[in-house]
Amino acid sequence: MASQMDVTVCTAELCQRVSITEQELVEIVSHGIVRPQDVQADEWQFDEVLVVQVARAVRLRRDLEIDWGGVALALELLEEVHGLREENAALRRRLARLAE
């Protein structure tokens, strides 16, 4: 049984699934928002996690009307906030255990 990480899509399928052009995908990759499995390959392949990341990036661009550089920065900041929240939750759990 294949895991979700084993499922890949090609450039054309990813573009169709998230309603972008291949040129937009090239811009997304050039800004480091996602990285295909093998950048040097003739046909890029993306796993399902990257499809979700591209869809998120596309929504940010369309909803906030920002360029791809801004999208990359926004995604980086969102990831950092997520990490800080996880760290904060872990520290709160440790404090709760110490207080018992």
N, C-alpha and C. Protein backbone atom coordinates (compact mmCIF):
# COMPACT_ATOMS: atom_id res chain seq x y z
N MET A 1 0.84 -1.18 0.00
CA MET A 1 0.00 0.00 0.00
C MET A 1 0.89 1.24 0.00
N ALA A 2 0.68 2.14 -0.93
CA ALA A 2 1.49 3.36 -1.06
C ALA A 2 1.05 4.39 -0.04
N SER A 3 2.05 5.07 0.56
CA SER A 3 1.71 6.15 1.48
C SER A 3 1.45 7.41 0.67
N GLN A 4 0.92 8.41 1.34
CA GLN A 4 0.61 9.67 0.66
C GLN A 4 1.88 10.27 0.06
N MET A 5 3.02 10.09 0.71
CA MET A 5 4.27 10.66 0.23
C MET A 5 4.73 9.99 -1.07
N ASP A 6 4.26 8.77 -1.36
CA ASP A 6 4.67 8.06 -2.56
C ASP A 6 3.91 8.53 -3.79
N VAL A 7 2.82 9.24 -3.61
CA VAL A 7 2.00 9.71 -4.73
C VAL A 7 2.63 11.00 -5.27
N THR A 8 2.87 11.01 -6.59
CA THR A 8 3.42 12.21 -7.20
C THR A 8 2.54 12.64 -8.37
N VAL A 9 2.64 13.92 -8.69
CA VAL A 9 1.94 14.46 -9.85
C VAL A 9 2.95 15.20 -10.70
N CYS A 10 2.70 15.25 -12.00
CA CYS A 10 3.58 15.95 -12.91
C CYS A 10 3.19 17.43 -12.95
N THR A 11 3.98 18.22 -13.62
CA THR A 11 3.76 19.65 -13.73
C THR A 11 2.37 19.98 -14.27
N ALA A 12 1.99 19.33 -15.36
CA ALA A 12 0.70 19.63 -15.98
C ALA A 12 -0.46 19.31 -15.04
N GLU A 13 -0.37 18.18 -14.34
CA GLU A 13 -1.44 17.80 -13.42
C GLU A 13 -1.51 18.77 -12.24
N LEU A 14 -0.36 19.15 -11.69
CA LEU A 14 -0.37 20.10 -10.59
C LEU A 14 -0.98 21.42 -11.02
N CYS A 15 -0.58 21.90 -12.18
CA CYS A 15 -1.13 23.17 -12.69
C CYS A 15 -2.64 23.09 -12.86
N GLN A 16 -3.11 21.98 -13.36
CA GLN A 16 -4.55 21.80 -13.56
C GLN A 16 -5.27 21.75 -12.21
N ARG A 17 -4.69 21.04 -11.24
CA ARG A 17 -5.34 20.88 -9.94
C ARG A 17 -5.45 22.18 -9.16
N VAL A 18 -4.48 23.08 -9.33
CA VAL A 18 -4.52 24.33 -8.56
C VAL A 18 -4.81 25.55 -9.43
N SER A 19 -5.15 25.31 -10.68
CA SER A 19 -5.55 26.36 -11.63
C SER A 19 -4.50 27.46 -11.80
N ILE A 20 -3.29 27.03 -12.17
CA ILE A 20 -2.22 27.98 -12.50
C ILE A 20 -1.58 27.56 -13.82
N THR A 21 -0.83 28.49 -14.39
CA THR A 21 -0.09 28.18 -15.61
C THR A 21 1.25 27.56 -15.25
N GLU A 22 1.88 26.94 -16.25
CA GLU A 22 3.21 26.38 -16.01
C GLU A 22 4.21 27.50 -15.69
N GLN A 23 4.04 28.69 -16.31
CA GLN A 23 4.92 29.81 -16.00
C GLN A 23 4.77 30.24 -14.54
N GLU A 24 3.55 30.24 -14.02
CA GLU A 24 3.35 30.57 -12.61
C GLU A 24 4.04 29.54 -11.72
N LEU A 25 3.98 28.27 -12.11
CA LEU A 25 4.65 27.23 -11.33
C LEU A 25 6.16 27.45 -11.35
N VAL A 26 6.70 27.83 -12.49
CA VAL A 26 8.13 28.12 -12.58
C VAL A 26 8.48 29.26 -11.61
N GLU A 27 7.65 30.29 -11.54
CA GLU A 27 7.88 31.40 -10.61
C GLU A 27 7.81 30.91 -9.16
N ILE A 28 6.85 30.07 -8.85
CA ILE A 28 6.71 29.53 -7.50
C ILE A 28 7.98 28.76 -7.11
N VAL A 29 8.48 27.94 -8.01
CA VAL A 29 9.70 27.17 -7.75
C VAL A 29 10.89 28.12 -7.63
N SER A 30 10.97 29.13 -8.50
CA SER A 30 12.12 30.04 -8.47
C SER A 30 12.17 30.86 -7.19
N HIS A 31 11.02 31.08 -6.54
CA HIS A 31 10.98 31.80 -5.27
C HIS A 31 11.16 30.87 -4.06
N GLY A 32 11.36 29.60 -4.33
CA GLY A 32 11.63 28.64 -3.26
C GLY A 32 10.40 28.26 -2.45
N ILE A 33 9.23 28.54 -2.97
CA ILE A 33 8.00 28.20 -2.26
C ILE A 33 7.84 26.68 -2.19
N VAL A 34 8.14 26.01 -3.28
CA VAL A 34 8.21 24.55 -3.33
C VAL A 34 9.40 24.16 -4.20
N ARG A 35 9.80 22.91 -4.06
CA ARG A 35 10.91 22.38 -4.86
C ARG A 35 10.50 21.02 -5.40
N PRO A 36 10.51 20.86 -6.72
CA PRO A 36 10.17 19.54 -7.28
C PRO A 36 11.19 18.50 -6.81
N GLN A 37 10.80 17.24 -6.94
CA GLN A 37 11.68 16.16 -6.48
C GLN A 37 13.05 16.21 -7.16
N ASP A 38 13.09 16.54 -8.44
CA ASP A 38 14.36 16.65 -9.18
C ASP A 38 14.25 17.86 -10.11
N VAL A 39 14.85 18.97 -9.70
CA VAL A 39 14.76 20.22 -10.46
C VAL A 39 15.34 20.05 -11.85
N GLN A 40 16.32 19.19 -12.01
CA GLN A 40 17.00 19.02 -13.29
C GLN A 40 16.25 18.10 -14.25
N ALA A 41 15.22 17.42 -13.77
CA ALA A 41 14.49 16.48 -14.62
C ALA A 41 13.74 17.21 -15.72
N ASP A 42 13.53 16.51 -16.84
CA ASP A 42 12.76 17.09 -17.95
C ASP A 42 11.32 17.36 -17.53
N GLU A 43 10.77 16.49 -16.71
CA GLU A 43 9.39 16.63 -16.22
C GLU A 43 9.43 16.67 -14.70
N TRP A 44 9.06 17.79 -14.13
CA TRP A 44 9.04 17.91 -12.67
C TRP A 44 7.97 17.02 -12.08
N GLN A 45 8.25 16.48 -10.91
CA GLN A 45 7.31 15.67 -10.14
C GLN A 45 7.17 16.30 -8.74
N PHE A 46 5.94 16.31 -8.24
CA PHE A 46 5.64 16.90 -6.94
C PHE A 46 4.84 15.90 -6.13
N ASP A 47 5.18 15.75 -4.84
CA ASP A 47 4.37 14.88 -4.00
C ASP A 47 3.13 15.64 -3.53
N GLU A 48 2.21 14.92 -2.92
CA GLU A 48 0.93 15.50 -2.51
C GLU A 48 1.10 16.64 -1.51
N VAL A 49 2.10 16.57 -0.65
CA VAL A 49 2.35 17.66 0.31
C VAL A 49 2.66 18.95 -0.44
N LEU A 50 3.44 18.85 -1.49
CA LEU A 50 3.79 20.04 -2.27
C LEU A 50 2.59 20.58 -3.04
N VAL A 51 1.70 19.70 -3.47
CA VAL A 51 0.48 20.15 -4.14
C VAL A 51 -0.32 21.04 -3.18
N VAL A 52 -0.43 20.61 -1.94
CA VAL A 52 -1.14 21.39 -0.93
C VAL A 52 -0.44 22.73 -0.70
N GLN A 53 0.90 22.73 -0.66
CA GLN A 53 1.65 23.97 -0.46
C GLN A 53 1.45 24.93 -1.63
N VAL A 54 1.44 24.41 -2.84
CA VAL A 54 1.21 25.27 -4.00
C VAL A 54 -0.20 25.86 -3.95
N ALA A 55 -1.17 25.04 -3.61
CA ALA A 55 -2.55 25.54 -3.50
C ALA A 55 -2.65 26.64 -2.45
N ARG A 56 -1.97 26.47 -1.35
CA ARG A 56 -1.95 27.49 -0.29
C ARG A 56 -1.30 28.78 -0.79
N ALA A 57 -0.20 28.63 -1.50
CA ALA A 57 0.49 29.80 -2.06
C ALA A 57 -0.39 30.54 -3.06
N VAL A 58 -1.07 29.79 -3.90
CA VAL A 58 -1.96 30.39 -4.90
C VAL A 58 -3.10 31.15 -4.22
N ARG A 59 -3.66 30.56 -3.16
CA ARG A 59 -4.73 31.25 -2.42
C ARG A 59 -4.23 32.54 -1.81
N LEU A 60 -3.04 32.51 -1.22
CA LEU A 60 -2.47 33.73 -0.63
C LEU A 60 -2.29 34.80 -1.69
N ARG A 61 -1.74 34.41 -2.82
CA ARG A 61 -1.50 35.38 -3.90
C ARG A 61 -2.82 36.00 -4.37
N ARG A 62 -3.80 35.18 -4.58
CA ARG A 62 -5.08 35.67 -5.09
C ARG A 62 -5.85 36.46 -4.04
N ASP A 63 -5.88 35.97 -2.81
CA ASP A 63 -6.64 36.64 -1.76
C ASP A 63 -6.01 37.96 -1.32
N LEU A 64 -4.68 37.98 -1.21
CA LEU A 64 -3.98 39.17 -0.71
C LEU A 64 -3.43 40.05 -1.83
N GLU A 65 -3.51 39.54 -3.07
CA GLU A 65 -3.01 40.27 -4.23
C GLU A 65 -1.56 40.73 -4.03
N ILE A 66 -0.70 39.77 -3.65
CA ILE A 66 0.72 40.04 -3.48
C ILE A 66 1.52 39.23 -4.49
N ASP A 67 2.76 39.66 -4.73
CA ASP A 67 3.60 38.95 -5.69
C ASP A 67 4.16 37.67 -5.05
N TRP A 68 4.82 36.84 -5.87
CA TRP A 68 5.31 35.56 -5.38
C TRP A 68 6.35 35.73 -4.29
N GLY A 69 7.16 36.78 -4.35
CA GLY A 69 8.12 37.05 -3.28
C GLY A 69 7.41 37.29 -1.95
N GLY A 70 6.32 38.04 -2.00
CA GLY A 70 5.52 38.28 -0.81
C GLY A 70 4.87 37.01 -0.30
N VAL A 71 4.43 36.17 -1.22
CA VAL A 71 3.84 34.89 -0.84
C VAL A 71 4.88 34.03 -0.13
N ALA A 72 6.09 33.98 -0.68
CA ALA A 72 7.16 33.19 -0.05
C ALA A 72 7.43 33.68 1.36
N LEU A 73 7.49 35.00 1.55
CA LEU A 73 7.72 35.57 2.87
C LEU A 73 6.55 35.25 3.81
N ALA A 74 5.33 35.40 3.32
CA ALA A 74 4.16 35.11 4.16
C ALA A 74 4.15 33.66 4.60
N LEU A 75 4.45 32.74 3.70
CA LEU A 75 4.47 31.32 4.05
C LEU A 75 5.57 31.02 5.06
N GLU A 76 6.72 31.64 4.89
CA GLU A 76 7.83 31.46 5.84
C GLU A 76 7.43 31.95 7.22
N LEU A 77 6.78 33.12 7.28
CA LEU A 77 6.35 33.66 8.57
C LEU A 77 5.26 32.81 9.21
N LEU A 78 4.33 32.30 8.39
CA LEU A 78 3.29 31.42 8.92
C LEU A 78 3.89 30.14 9.49
N GLU A 79 4.89 29.60 8.82
CA GLU A 79 5.57 28.40 9.30
C GLU A 79 6.28 28.69 10.63
N GLU A 80 6.91 29.85 10.72
CA GLU A 80 7.60 30.23 11.95
C GLU A 80 6.60 30.39 13.10
N VAL A 81 5.47 31.03 12.84
CA VAL A 81 4.43 31.19 13.86
C VAL A 81 3.95 29.82 14.32
N HIS A 82 3.72 28.92 13.38
CA HIS A 82 3.28 27.57 13.73
C HIS A 82 4.30 26.89 14.65
N GLY A 83 5.57 27.00 14.30
CA GLY A 83 6.63 26.40 15.13
C GLY A 83 6.68 27.01 16.52
N LEU A 84 6.52 28.32 16.60
CA LEU A 84 6.53 28.98 17.90
C LEU A 84 5.33 28.57 18.75
N ARG A 85 4.19 28.40 18.12
CA ARG A 85 3.00 27.94 18.85
C ARG A 85 3.21 26.53 19.40
N GLU A 86 3.82 25.67 18.58
CA GLU A 86 4.09 24.30 19.05
C GLU A 86 5.08 24.33 20.22
N GLU A 87 6.11 25.13 20.10
CA GLU A 87 7.10 25.26 21.18
C GLU A 87 6.44 25.81 22.45
N ASN A 88 5.59 26.80 22.30
CA ASN A 88 4.89 27.38 23.43
C ASN A 88 4.01 26.34 24.11
N ALA A 89 3.29 25.55 23.32
CA ALA A 89 2.43 24.51 23.89
C ALA A 89 3.25 23.48 24.65
N ALA A 90 4.40 23.11 24.11
CA ALA A 90 5.26 22.13 24.78
C ALA A 90 5.78 22.70 26.10
N LEU A 91 6.15 23.96 26.10
CA LEU A 91 6.63 24.59 27.34
C LEU A 91 5.52 24.69 28.38
N ARG A 92 4.30 24.99 27.93
CA ARG A 92 3.17 25.05 28.86
C ARG A 92 2.90 23.67 29.48
N ARG A 93 3.03 22.62 28.67
CA ARG A 93 2.84 21.27 29.21
C ARG A 93 3.90 20.95 30.25
N ARG A 94 5.15 21.33 29.98
CA ARG A 94 6.24 21.11 30.96
C ARG A 94 5.98 21.87 32.24
N LEU A 95 5.53 23.11 32.11
CA LEU A 95 5.24 23.90 33.30
C LEU A 95 4.10 23.29 34.10
N ALA A 96 3.09 22.80 33.41
CA ALA A 96 1.95 22.18 34.08
C ALA A 96 2.41 20.95 34.85
N ARG A 97 3.30 20.15 34.25
CA ARG A 97 3.81 18.95 34.94
C ARG A 97 4.63 19.33 36.17
N LEU A 98 5.41 20.40 36.06
CA LEU A 98 6.23 20.85 37.19
C LEU A 98 5.36 21.39 38.32
N ALA A 99 4.22 21.96 37.98
CA ALA A 99 3.34 22.54 38.98
C ALA A 99 2.53 21.49 39.72
N GLU A 100 2.48 20.27 39.20
CA GLU A 100 1.68 19.21 39.84
C GLU A 100 2.29 18.74 41.13
